[in-house]
């Protein structure tokens, strides 16, 4: 938050809190005929998407949150995470072969 208490500023990206941290984002099915969707991302991939999306949204607002100045809430559109859909090998590649046999 800037000194004026209204404008947000983005600092440096935070370091990965755990080695090889992975995220699985889930979109639950809306109807019986649909299937749940899974998006597998590494820490840096998710962090980069969030920063890019958040910064783009803030720049349209002159870096002022319209309703709650101290909020860092953001939502990623599914189109941003679609390249990561069903990328299960990212996780499986990290599992020792003795556990998968």
PDB file of N, CA and C in Angstrom:
ATOM      1  N   UNK A   1       0.848  -1.169   0.000  1.00  0.00           N
ATOM      2  CA  UNK A   1       0.000   0.000   0.000  1.00  0.00           C
ATOM      3  C   UNK A   1       0.899   1.239   0.000  1.00  0.00           C
ATOM      4  N   UNK A   2       0.561   2.184  -0.826  1.00  0.00           N
ATOM      5  CA  UNK A   2       1.320   3.429  -0.894  1.00  0.00           C
ATOM      6  C   UNK A   2       1.048   4.263   0.362  1.00  0.00           C
ATOM      7  N   UNK A   3       1.862   5.264   0.548  1.00  0.00           N
ATOM      8  CA  UNK A   3       1.733   6.124   1.737  1.00  0.00           C
ATOM      9  C   UNK A   3       0.390   6.832   1.811  1.00  0.00           C
ATOM     10  N   UNK A   4      -0.263   7.072   0.670  1.00  0.00           N
ATOM     11  CA  UNK A   4      -1.543   7.774   0.694  1.00  0.00           C
ATOM     12  C   UNK A   4      -2.688   6.886   1.195  1.00  0.00           C
ATOM     13  N   UNK A   5      -2.413   5.593   1.383  1.00  0.00           N
ATOM     14  CA  UNK A   5      -3.440   4.676   1.888  1.00  0.00           C
ATOM     15  C   UNK A   5      -4.472   4.276   0.856  1.00  0.00           C
ATOM     16  N   UNK A   6      -4.299   4.693  -0.394  1.00  0.00           N
ATOM     17  CA  UNK A   6      -5.267   4.392  -1.441  1.00  0.00           C
ATOM     18  C   UNK A   6      -4.666   3.562  -2.567  1.00  0.00           C
ATOM     19  N   UNK A   7      -3.477   3.922  -2.992  1.00  0.00           N
ATOM     20  CA  UNK A   7      -2.836   3.256  -4.121  1.00  0.00           C
ATOM     21  C   UNK A   7      -2.077   2.020  -3.653  1.00  0.00           C
ATOM     22  N   UNK A   8      -2.207   0.956  -4.418  1.00  0.00           N
ATOM     23  CA  UNK A   8      -1.461  -0.252  -4.116  1.00  0.00           C
ATOM     24  C   UNK A   8      -0.205  -0.299  -4.979  1.00  0.00           C
ATOM     25  N   UNK A   9       0.854  -0.798  -4.401  1.00  0.00           N
ATOM     26  CA  UNK A   9       2.083  -1.011  -5.143  1.00  0.00           C
ATOM     27  C   UNK A   9       2.471  -2.474  -4.988  1.00  0.00           C
ATOM     28  N   UNK A  10       2.988  -3.055  -6.043  1.00  0.00           N
ATOM     29  CA  UNK A  10       3.413  -4.446  -5.984  1.00  0.00           C
ATOM     30  C   UNK A  10       4.905  -4.497  -5.690  1.00  0.00           C
ATOM     31  N   UNK A  11       5.253  -5.284  -4.695  1.00  0.00           N
ATOM     32  CA  UNK A  11       6.655  -5.467  -4.351  1.00  0.00           C
ATOM     33  C   UNK A  11       7.248  -6.610  -5.154  1.00  0.00           C
ATOM     34  N   UNK A  12       8.403  -7.040  -4.736  1.00  0.00           N
ATOM     35  CA  UNK A  12       9.078  -8.152  -5.395  1.00  0.00           C
ATOM     36  C   UNK A  12       8.324  -9.452  -5.121  1.00  0.00           C
ATOM     37  N   UNK A  13       8.320 -10.367  -6.076  1.00  0.00           N
ATOM     38  CA  UNK A  13       7.671 -11.663  -5.841  1.00  0.00           C
ATOM     39  C   UNK A  13       8.312 -12.382  -4.644  1.00  0.00           C
ATOM     40  N   UNK A  14       7.487 -13.080  -3.888  1.00  0.00           N
ATOM     41  CA  UNK A  14       7.965 -13.817  -2.719  1.00  0.00           C
ATOM     42  C   UNK A  14       8.667 -15.100  -3.159  1.00  0.00           C
ATOM     43  N   UNK A  15       9.664 -15.524  -2.404  1.00  0.00           N
ATOM     44  CA  UNK A  15      10.333 -16.784  -2.743  1.00  0.00           C
ATOM     45  C   UNK A  15       9.406 -17.967  -2.453  1.00  0.00           C
ATOM     46  N   UNK A  16       9.669 -19.055  -3.118  1.00  0.00           N
ATOM     47  CA  UNK A  16       8.895 -20.276  -2.928  1.00  0.00           C
ATOM     48  C   UNK A  16       9.015 -20.732  -1.472  1.00  0.00           C
ATOM     49  N   UNK A  17       7.888 -20.911  -0.766  1.00  0.00           N
ATOM     50  CA  UNK A  17       7.969 -21.253   0.660  1.00  0.00           C
ATOM     51  C   UNK A  17       8.414 -22.693   0.934  1.00  0.00           C
ATOM     52  N   UNK A  18       8.156 -23.603   0.000  1.00  0.00           N
ATOM     53  CA  UNK A  18       8.556 -25.003   0.132  1.00  0.00           C
ATOM     54  C   UNK A  18       9.157 -25.468  -1.187  1.00  0.00           C
ATOM     55  N   UNK A  19      10.200 -26.281  -1.131  1.00  0.00           N
ATOM     56  CA  UNK A  19      10.793 -26.761  -2.390  1.00  0.00           C
ATOM     57  C   UNK A  19       9.773 -27.533  -3.226  1.00  0.00           C
ATOM     58  N   UNK A  20       9.742 -27.244  -4.498  1.00  0.00           N
ATOM     59  CA  UNK A  20       8.894 -27.946  -5.466  1.00  0.00           C
ATOM     60  C   UNK A  20       7.405 -27.899  -5.122  1.00  0.00           C
ATOM     61  N   UNK A  21       6.954 -26.785  -4.567  1.00  0.00           N
ATOM     62  CA  UNK A  21       5.546 -26.624  -4.210  1.00  0.00           C
ATOM     63  C   UNK A  21       4.672 -26.621  -5.465  1.00  0.00           C
ATOM     64  N   UNK A  22       3.610 -27.403  -5.423  1.00  0.00           N
ATOM     65  CA  UNK A  22       2.685 -27.522  -6.546  1.00  0.00           C
ATOM     66  C   UNK A  22       1.282 -27.122  -6.085  1.00  0.00           C
ATOM     67  N   UNK A  23       0.480 -26.653  -7.027  1.00  0.00           N
ATOM     68  CA  UNK A  23      -0.912 -26.302  -6.762  1.00  0.00           C
ATOM     69  C   UNK A  23      -1.804 -27.047  -7.735  1.00  0.00           C
ATOM     70  N   UNK A  24      -2.915 -27.521  -7.229  1.00  0.00           N
ATOM     71  CA  UNK A  24      -3.937 -28.116  -8.080  1.00  0.00           C
ATOM     72  C   UNK A  24      -5.182 -27.262  -7.898  1.00  0.00           C
ATOM     73  N   UNK A  25      -5.532 -26.517  -8.937  1.00  0.00           N
ATOM     74  CA  UNK A  25      -6.749 -25.705  -8.926  1.00  0.00           C
ATOM     75  C   UNK A  25      -7.863 -26.568  -9.508  1.00  0.00           C
ATOM     76  N   UNK A  26      -9.021 -26.513  -8.884  1.00  0.00           N
ATOM     77  CA  UNK A  26     -10.132 -27.376  -9.287  1.00  0.00           C
ATOM     78  C   UNK A  26     -11.349 -26.528  -9.618  1.00  0.00           C
ATOM     79  N   UNK A  27     -11.942 -26.822 -10.778  1.00  0.00           N
ATOM     80  CA  UNK A  27     -13.235 -26.243 -11.138  1.00  0.00           C
ATOM     81  C   UNK A  27     -14.222 -27.406 -11.076  1.00  0.00           C
ATOM     82  N   UNK A  28     -15.143 -27.324 -10.121  1.00  0.00           N
ATOM     83  CA  UNK A  28     -16.107 -28.401  -9.948  1.00  0.00           C
ATOM     84  C   UNK A  28     -17.188 -28.329 -11.010  1.00  0.00           C
ATOM     85  N   UNK A  29     -17.645 -29.492 -11.421  1.00  0.00           N
ATOM     86  CA  UNK A  29     -18.669 -29.565 -12.465  1.00  0.00           C
ATOM     87  C   UNK A  29     -19.937 -28.839 -12.015  1.00  0.00           C
ATOM     88  N   UNK A  30     -20.621 -28.249 -12.969  1.00  0.00           N
ATOM     89  CA  UNK A  30     -21.860 -27.535 -12.686  1.00  0.00           C
ATOM     90  C   UNK A  30     -23.071 -28.437 -12.882  1.00  0.00           C
ATOM     91  N   UNK A  31     -22.943 -29.399 -13.772  1.00  0.00           N
ATOM     92  CA  UNK A  31     -24.065 -30.278 -14.084  1.00  0.00           C
ATOM     93  C   UNK A  31     -23.568 -31.719 -14.104  1.00  0.00           C
ATOM     94  N   UNK A  32     -24.499 -32.646 -14.007  1.00  0.00           N
ATOM     95  CA  UNK A  32     -24.157 -34.070 -14.024  1.00  0.00           C
ATOM     96  C   UNK A  32     -23.418 -34.476 -15.294  1.00  0.00           C
ATOM     97  N   UNK A  33     -23.683 -33.814 -16.398  1.00  0.00           N
ATOM     98  CA  UNK A  33     -23.073 -34.189 -17.675  1.00  0.00           C
ATOM     99  C   UNK A  33     -21.656 -33.648 -17.830  1.00  0.00           C
ATOM    100  N   UNK A  34     -21.228 -32.761 -16.954  1.00  0.00           N
ATOM    101  CA  UNK A  34     -19.893 -32.173 -17.030  1.00  0.00           C
ATOM    102  C   UNK A  34     -18.916 -32.926 -16.136  1.00  0.00           C
ATOM    103  N   UNK A  35     -17.638 -32.675 -16.343  1.00  0.00           N
ATOM    104  CA  UNK A  35     -16.595 -33.259 -15.497  1.00  0.00           C
ATOM    105  C   UNK A  35     -15.848 -32.150 -14.773  1.00  0.00           C
ATOM    106  N   UNK A  36     -15.339 -32.491 -13.587  1.00  0.00           N
ATOM    107  CA  UNK A  36     -14.486 -31.553 -12.879  1.00  0.00           C
ATOM    108  C   UNK A  36     -13.237 -31.301 -13.723  1.00  0.00           C
ATOM    109  N   UNK A  37     -12.651 -30.121 -13.556  1.00  0.00           N
ATOM    110  CA  UNK A  37     -11.439 -29.775 -14.305  1.00  0.00           C
ATOM    111  C   UNK A  37     -10.315 -29.508 -13.313  1.00  0.00           C
ATOM    112  N   UNK A  38      -9.099 -29.956 -13.670  1.00  0.00           N
ATOM    113  CA  UNK A  38      -7.947 -29.832 -12.797  1.00  0.00           C
ATOM    114  C   UNK A  38      -6.817 -29.119 -13.533  1.00  0.00           C
ATOM    115  N   UNK A  39      -6.203 -28.173 -12.842  1.00  0.00           N
ATOM    116  CA  UNK A  39      -5.114 -27.380 -13.410  1.00  0.00           C
ATOM    117  C   UNK A  39      -3.919 -27.492 -12.461  1.00  0.00           C
ATOM    118  N   UNK A  40      -2.797 -27.975 -12.967  1.00  0.00           N
ATOM    119  CA  UNK A  40      -1.630 -28.257 -12.140  1.00  0.00           C
ATOM    120  C   UNK A  40      -0.535 -27.247 -12.458  1.00  0.00           C
ATOM    121  N   UNK A  41      -0.169 -26.480 -11.435  1.00  0.00           N
ATOM    122  CA  UNK A  41       0.821 -25.421 -11.620  1.00  0.00           C
ATOM    123  C   UNK A  41       1.897 -25.482 -10.560  1.00  0.00           C
ATOM    124  N   UNK A  42       3.099 -25.124 -10.959  1.00  0.00           N
ATOM    125  CA  UNK A  42       4.186 -24.943 -10.013  1.00  0.00           C
ATOM    126  C   UNK A  42       4.030 -23.565  -9.365  1.00  0.00           C
ATOM    127  N   UNK A  43       4.706 -23.378  -8.244  1.00  0.00           N
ATOM    128  CA  UNK A  43       4.631 -22.112  -7.499  1.00  0.00           C
ATOM    129  C   UNK A  43       4.875 -20.910  -8.409  1.00  0.00           C
ATOM    130  N   UNK A  44       5.966 -20.929  -9.149  1.00  0.00           N
ATOM    131  CA  UNK A  44       6.332 -19.782  -9.990  1.00  0.00           C
ATOM    132  C   UNK A  44       5.298 -19.536 -11.086  1.00  0.00           C
ATOM    133  N   UNK A  45       4.745 -20.602 -11.651  1.00  0.00           N
ATOM    134  CA  UNK A  45       3.750 -20.444 -12.704  1.00  0.00           C
ATOM    135  C   UNK A  45       2.508 -19.740 -12.168  1.00  0.00           C
ATOM    136  N   UNK A  46       2.025 -20.195 -11.015  1.00  0.00           N
ATOM    137  CA  UNK A  46       0.843 -19.564 -10.426  1.00  0.00           C
ATOM    138  C   UNK A  46       1.156 -18.141  -9.994  1.00  0.00           C
ATOM    139  N   UNK A  47       2.291 -17.949  -9.376  1.00  0.00           N
ATOM    140  CA  UNK A  47       2.691 -16.619  -8.934  1.00  0.00           C
ATOM    141  C   UNK A  47       2.753 -15.643 -10.112  1.00  0.00           C
ATOM    142  N   UNK A  48       3.368 -16.059 -11.212  1.00  0.00           N
ATOM    143  CA  UNK A  48       3.476 -15.194 -12.388  1.00  0.00           C
ATOM    144  C   UNK A  48       2.110 -14.853 -12.971  1.00  0.00           C
ATOM    145  N   UNK A  49       1.221 -15.839 -13.038  1.00  0.00           N
ATOM    146  CA  UNK A  49      -0.133 -15.569 -13.534  1.00  0.00           C
ATOM    147  C   UNK A  49      -0.863 -14.573 -12.646  1.00  0.00           C
ATOM    148  N   UNK A  50      -0.791 -14.786 -11.341  1.00  0.00           N
ATOM    149  CA  UNK A  50      -1.484 -13.896 -10.409  1.00  0.00           C
ATOM    150  C   UNK A  50      -0.937 -12.481 -10.473  1.00  0.00           C
ATOM    151  N   UNK A  51       0.366 -12.353 -10.506  1.00  0.00           N
ATOM    152  CA  UNK A  51       0.972 -11.017 -10.567  1.00  0.00           C
ATOM    153  C   UNK A  51       0.572 -10.311 -11.855  1.00  0.00           C
ATOM    154  N   UNK A  52       0.692 -11.005 -12.977  1.00  0.00           N
ATOM    155  CA  UNK A  52       0.354 -10.391 -14.270  1.00  0.00           C
ATOM    156  C   UNK A  52      -1.120  -9.966 -14.302  1.00  0.00           C
ATOM    157  N   UNK A  53      -2.008 -10.854 -13.846  1.00  0.00           N
ATOM    158  CA  UNK A  53      -3.439 -10.547 -13.862  1.00  0.00           C
ATOM    159  C   UNK A  53      -3.769  -9.406 -12.892  1.00  0.00           C
ATOM    160  N   UNK A  54      -3.217  -9.458 -11.692  1.00  0.00           N
ATOM    161  CA  UNK A  54      -3.502  -8.450 -10.670  1.00  0.00           C
ATOM    162  C   UNK A  54      -2.987  -7.081 -11.098  1.00  0.00           C
ATOM    163  N   UNK A  55      -1.781  -7.067 -11.635  1.00  0.00           N
ATOM    164  CA  UNK A  55      -1.194  -5.792 -12.073  1.00  0.00           C
ATOM    165  C   UNK A  55      -1.987  -5.197 -13.238  1.00  0.00           C
ATOM    166  N   UNK A  56      -2.428  -6.043 -14.170  1.00  0.00           N
ATOM    167  CA  UNK A  56      -3.223  -5.547 -15.299  1.00  0.00           C
ATOM    168  C   UNK A  56      -4.545  -4.962 -14.809  1.00  0.00           C
ATOM    169  N   UNK A  57      -5.175  -5.641 -13.861  1.00  0.00           N
ATOM    170  CA  UNK A  57      -6.441  -5.136 -13.312  1.00  0.00           C
ATOM    171  C   UNK A  57      -6.217  -3.820 -12.568  1.00  0.00           C
ATOM    172  N   UNK A  58      -5.187  -3.765 -11.740  1.00  0.00           N
ATOM    173  CA  UNK A  58      -4.912  -2.535 -10.983  1.00  0.00           C
ATOM    174  C   UNK A  58      -4.569  -1.357 -11.894  1.00  0.00           C
ATOM    175  N   UNK A  59      -3.835  -1.618 -12.950  1.00  0.00           N
ATOM    176  CA  UNK A  59      -3.439  -0.516 -13.834  1.00  0.00           C
ATOM    177  C   UNK A  59      -4.666   0.130 -14.481  1.00  0.00           C
ATOM    178  N   UNK A  60      -5.705  -0.664 -14.738  1.00  0.00           N
ATOM    179  CA  UNK A  60      -6.950  -0.100 -15.284  1.00  0.00           C
ATOM    180  C   UNK A  60      -7.657   0.786 -14.267  1.00  0.00           C
ATOM    181  N   UNK A  61      -7.365   0.567 -12.987  1.00  0.00           N
ATOM    182  CA  UNK A  61      -8.003   1.326 -11.903  1.00  0.00           C
ATOM    183  C   UNK A  61      -7.070   2.408 -11.334  1.00  0.00           C
ATOM    184  N   UNK A  62      -5.988   2.705 -12.052  1.00  0.00           N
ATOM    185  CA  UNK A  62      -4.987   3.663 -11.578  1.00  0.00           C
ATOM    186  C   UNK A  62      -4.395   3.216 -10.235  1.00  0.00           C
ATOM    187  N   UNK A  63      -4.280   1.894 -10.059  1.00  0.00           N
ATOM    188  CA  UNK A  63      -3.709   1.268  -8.874  1.00  0.00           C
ATOM    189  C   UNK A  63      -4.464   1.606  -7.583  1.00  0.00           C
ATOM    190  N   UNK A  64      -5.761   1.887  -7.739  1.00  0.00           N
ATOM    191  CA  UNK A  64      -6.634   2.123  -6.585  1.00  0.00           C
ATOM    192  C   UNK A  64      -7.753   1.100  -6.633  1.00  0.00           C
ATOM    193  N   UNK A  65      -7.897   0.317  -5.561  1.00  0.00           N
ATOM    194  CA  UNK A  65      -9.011  -0.630  -5.490  1.00  0.00           C
ATOM    195  C   UNK A  65     -10.298   0.172  -5.353  1.00  0.00           C
ATOM    196  N   UNK A  66     -11.296  -0.094  -6.200  1.00  0.00           N
ATOM    197  CA  UNK A  66     -12.507   0.738  -6.196  1.00  0.00           C
ATOM    198  C   UNK A  66     -13.346   0.633  -4.925  1.00  0.00           C
ATOM    199  N   UNK A  67     -13.365  -0.532  -4.260  1.00  0.00           N
ATOM    200  CA  UNK A  67     -14.233  -0.682  -3.089  1.00  0.00           C
ATOM    201  C   UNK A  67     -13.471  -0.757  -1.771  1.00  0.00           C
ATOM    202  N   UNK A  68     -12.421  -1.530  -1.747  1.00  0.00           N
ATOM    203  CA  UNK A  68     -11.689  -1.764  -0.500  1.00  0.00           C
ATOM    204  C   UNK A  68     -10.197  -1.606  -0.775  1.00  0.00           C
ATOM    205  N   UNK A  69      -9.644  -0.506  -0.393  1.00  0.00           N
ATOM    206  CA  UNK A  69      -8.271  -0.147  -0.754  1.00  0.00           C
ATOM    207  C   UNK A  69      -7.227  -1.153  -0.270  1.00  0.00           C
ATOM    208  N   UNK A  70      -7.482  -1.828   0.848  1.00  0.00           N
ATOM    209  CA  UNK A  70      -6.472  -2.733   1.399  1.00  0.00           C
ATOM    210  C   UNK A  70      -6.674  -4.191   0.977  1.00  0.00           C
ATOM    211  N   UNK A  71      -7.561  -4.442   0.032  1.00  0.00           N
ATOM    212  CA  UNK A  71      -7.828  -5.804  -0.415  1.00  0.00           C
ATOM    213  C   UNK A  71      -6.839  -6.223  -1.502  1.00  0.00           C
ATOM    214  N   UNK A  72      -6.420  -7.478  -1.431  1.00  0.00           N
ATOM    215  CA  UNK A  72      -5.549  -8.039  -2.462  1.00  0.00           C
ATOM    216  C   UNK A  72      -6.258  -9.187  -3.183  1.00  0.00           C
ATOM    217  N   UNK A  73      -7.562  -9.237  -3.047  1.00  0.00           N
ATOM    218  CA  UNK A  73      -8.355 -10.290  -3.679  1.00  0.00           C
ATOM    219  C   UNK A  73      -8.235 -10.195  -5.194  1.00  0.00           C
ATOM    220  N   UNK A  74      -8.117 -11.350  -5.824  1.00  0.00           N
ATOM    221  CA  UNK A  74      -8.101 -11.399  -7.273  1.00  0.00           C
ATOM    222  C   UNK A  74      -8.684 -12.728  -7.728  1.00  0.00           C
ATOM    223  N   UNK A  75      -9.113 -12.772  -8.953  1.00  0.00           N
ATOM    224  CA  UNK A  75      -9.683 -13.977  -9.541  1.00  0.00           C
ATOM    225  C   UNK A  75      -9.014 -14.188 -10.894  1.00  0.00           C
ATOM    226  N   UNK A  76      -8.566 -15.406 -11.118  1.00  0.00           N
ATOM    227  CA  UNK A  76      -7.985 -15.734 -12.415  1.00  0.00           C
ATOM    228  C   UNK A  76      -9.067 -16.284 -13.330  1.00  0.00           C
ATOM    229  N   UNK A  77      -9.143 -15.793 -14.538  1.00  0.00           N
ATOM    230  CA  UNK A  77     -10.076 -16.411 -15.487  1.00  0.00           C
ATOM    231  C   UNK A  77      -9.564 -17.798 -15.884  1.00  0.00           C
ATOM    232  N   UNK A  78     -10.477 -18.695 -16.168  1.00  0.00           N
ATOM    233  CA  UNK A  78     -10.086 -20.052 -16.551  1.00  0.00           C
ATOM    234  C   UNK A  78      -9.173 -20.026 -17.772  1.00  0.00           C
ATOM    235  N   UNK A  79      -9.384 -19.081 -18.654  1.00  0.00           N
ATOM    236  CA  UNK A  79      -8.537 -19.013 -19.857  1.00  0.00           C
ATOM    237  C   UNK A  79      -7.057 -18.845 -19.502  1.00  0.00           C
ATOM    238  N   UNK A  80      -6.760 -18.229 -18.353  1.00  0.00           N
ATOM    239  CA  UNK A  80      -5.363 -18.063 -17.935  1.00  0.00           C
ATOM    240  C   UNK A  80      -4.724 -19.362 -17.472  1.00  0.00           C
ATOM    241  N   UNK A  81      -5.534 -20.277 -16.949  1.00  0.00           N
ATOM    242  CA  UNK A  81      -4.971 -21.527 -16.422  1.00  0.00           C
ATOM    243  C   UNK A  81      -5.187 -22.723 -17.346  1.00  0.00           C
ATOM    244  N   UNK A  82      -5.932 -22.538 -18.424  1.00  0.00           N
ATOM    245  CA  UNK A  82      -6.188 -23.649 -19.342  1.00  0.00           C
ATOM    246  C   UNK A  82      -4.919 -24.342 -19.864  1.00  0.00           C
ATOM    247  N   UNK A  83      -3.828 -23.630 -20.099  1.00  0.00           N
ATOM    248  CA  UNK A  83      -2.620 -24.332 -20.559  1.00  0.00           C
ATOM    249  C   UNK A  83      -2.081 -25.349 -19.541  1.00  0.00           C
ATOM    250  N   UNK A  84      -2.544 -25.281 -18.302  1.00  0.00           N
ATOM    251  CA  UNK A  84      -2.063 -26.161 -17.248  1.00  0.00           C
ATOM    252  C   UNK A  84      -3.050 -27.286 -16.925  1.00  0.00           C
ATOM    253  N   UNK A  85      -4.096 -27.410 -17.729  1.00  0.00           N
ATOM    254  CA  UNK A  85      -5.120 -28.413 -17.454  1.00  0.00           C
ATOM    255  C   UNK A  85      -4.567 -29.823 -17.626  1.00  0.00           C
ATOM    256  N   UNK A  86      -4.853 -30.648 -16.617  1.00  0.00           N
ATOM    257  CA  UNK A  86      -4.485 -32.077 -16.617  1.00  0.00           C
ATOM    258  C   UNK A  86      -2.990 -32.317 -16.828  1.00  0.00           C
ATOM    259  N   UNK A  87      -2.167 -31.462 -16.317  1.00  0.00           N
ATOM    260  CA  UNK A  87      -0.707 -31.627 -16.421  1.00  0.00           C
ATOM    261  C   UNK A  87      -0.184 -32.474 -15.255  1.00  0.00           C
ATOM    262  N   UNK A  88      -0.804 -33.639 -15.063  1.00  0.00           N
ATOM    263  CA  UNK A  88      -0.461 -34.538 -13.959  1.00  0.00           C
ATOM    264  C   UNK A  88       1.001 -34.979 -13.960  1.00  0.00           C
ATOM    265  N   UNK A  89       1.666 -35.116 -15.093  1.00  0.00           N
ATOM    266  CA  UNK A  89       3.083 -35.509 -15.047  1.00  0.00           C
ATOM    267  C   UNK A  89       3.950 -34.567 -14.216  1.00  0.00           C
ATOM    268  N   UNK A  90       3.546 -33.306 -14.078  1.00  0.00           N
ATOM    269  CA  UNK A  90       4.317 -32.377 -13.243  1.00  0.00           C
ATOM    270  C   UNK A  90       4.418 -32.893 -11.811  1.00  0.00           C
ATOM    271  N   UNK A  91       3.357 -33.536 -11.351  1.00  0.00           N
ATOM    272  CA  UNK A  91       3.370 -34.105 -10.003  1.00  0.00           C
ATOM    273  C   UNK A  91       4.007 -35.488 -10.026  1.00  0.00           C
ATOM    274  N   UNK A  92       3.596 -36.305 -10.963  1.00  0.00           N
ATOM    275  CA  UNK A  92       4.086 -37.681 -11.020  1.00  0.00           C
ATOM    276  C   UNK A  92       5.600 -37.749 -11.224  1.00  0.00           C
ATOM    277  N   UNK A  93       6.152 -36.792 -11.946  1.00  0.00           N
ATOM    278  CA  UNK A  93       7.601 -36.753 -12.168  1.00  0.00           C
ATOM    279  C   UNK A  93       8.382 -36.513 -10.870  1.00  0.00           C
ATOM    280  N   UNK A  94       7.716 -36.000  -9.856  1.00  0.00           N
ATOM    281  CA  UNK A  94       8.363 -35.708  -8.577  1.00  0.00           C
ATOM    282  C   UNK A  94       8.234 -36.840  -7.563  1.00  0.00           C
ATOM    283  N   UNK A  95       7.404 -37.825  -7.901  1.00  0.00           N
ATOM    284  CA  UNK A  95       7.181 -38.947  -6.990  1.00  0.00           C
ATOM    285  C   UNK A  95       8.244 -40.008  -7.262  1.00  0.00           C
ATOM    286  N   UNK A  96       8.943 -40.452  -6.218  1.00  0.00           N
ATOM    287  CA  UNK A  96       9.951 -41.498  -6.445  1.00  0.00           C
ATOM    288  C   UNK A  96       9.332 -42.750  -7.064  1.00  0.00           C
ATOM    289  N   UNK A  97      10.063 -43.379  -7.967  1.00  0.00           N
ATOM    290  CA  UNK A  97       9.533 -44.537  -8.689  1.00  0.00           C
ATOM    291  C   UNK A  97       9.177 -45.682  -7.742  1.00  0.00           C
ATOM    292  N   UNK A  98       9.781 -45.751  -6.574  1.00  0.00           N
ATOM    293  CA  UNK A  98       9.454 -46.818  -5.623  1.00  0.00           C
ATOM    294  C   UNK A  98       8.041 -46.662  -5.077  1.00  0.00           C
ATOM    295  N   UNK A  99       7.494 -45.454  -5.111  1.00  0.00           N
ATOM    296  CA  UNK A  99       6.128 -45.232  -4.638  1.00  0.00           C
ATOM    297  C   UNK A  99       5.077 -45.472  -5.721  1.00  0.00           C
ATOM    298  N   UNK A 100       5.482 -45.443  -6.967  1.00  0.00           N
ATOM    299  CA  UNK A 100       4.521 -45.605  -8.060  1.00  0.00           C
ATOM    300  C   UNK A 100       4.504 -47.035  -8.588  1.00  0.00           C
ATOM    301  N   UNK A 101       5.377 -47.863  -8.126  1.00  0.00           N
ATOM    302  CA  UNK A 101       5.438 -49.253  -8.635  1.00  0.00           C
ATOM    303  C   UNK A 101       4.406 -50.145  -7.957  1.00  0.00           C
TER     304      UNK A 101
END
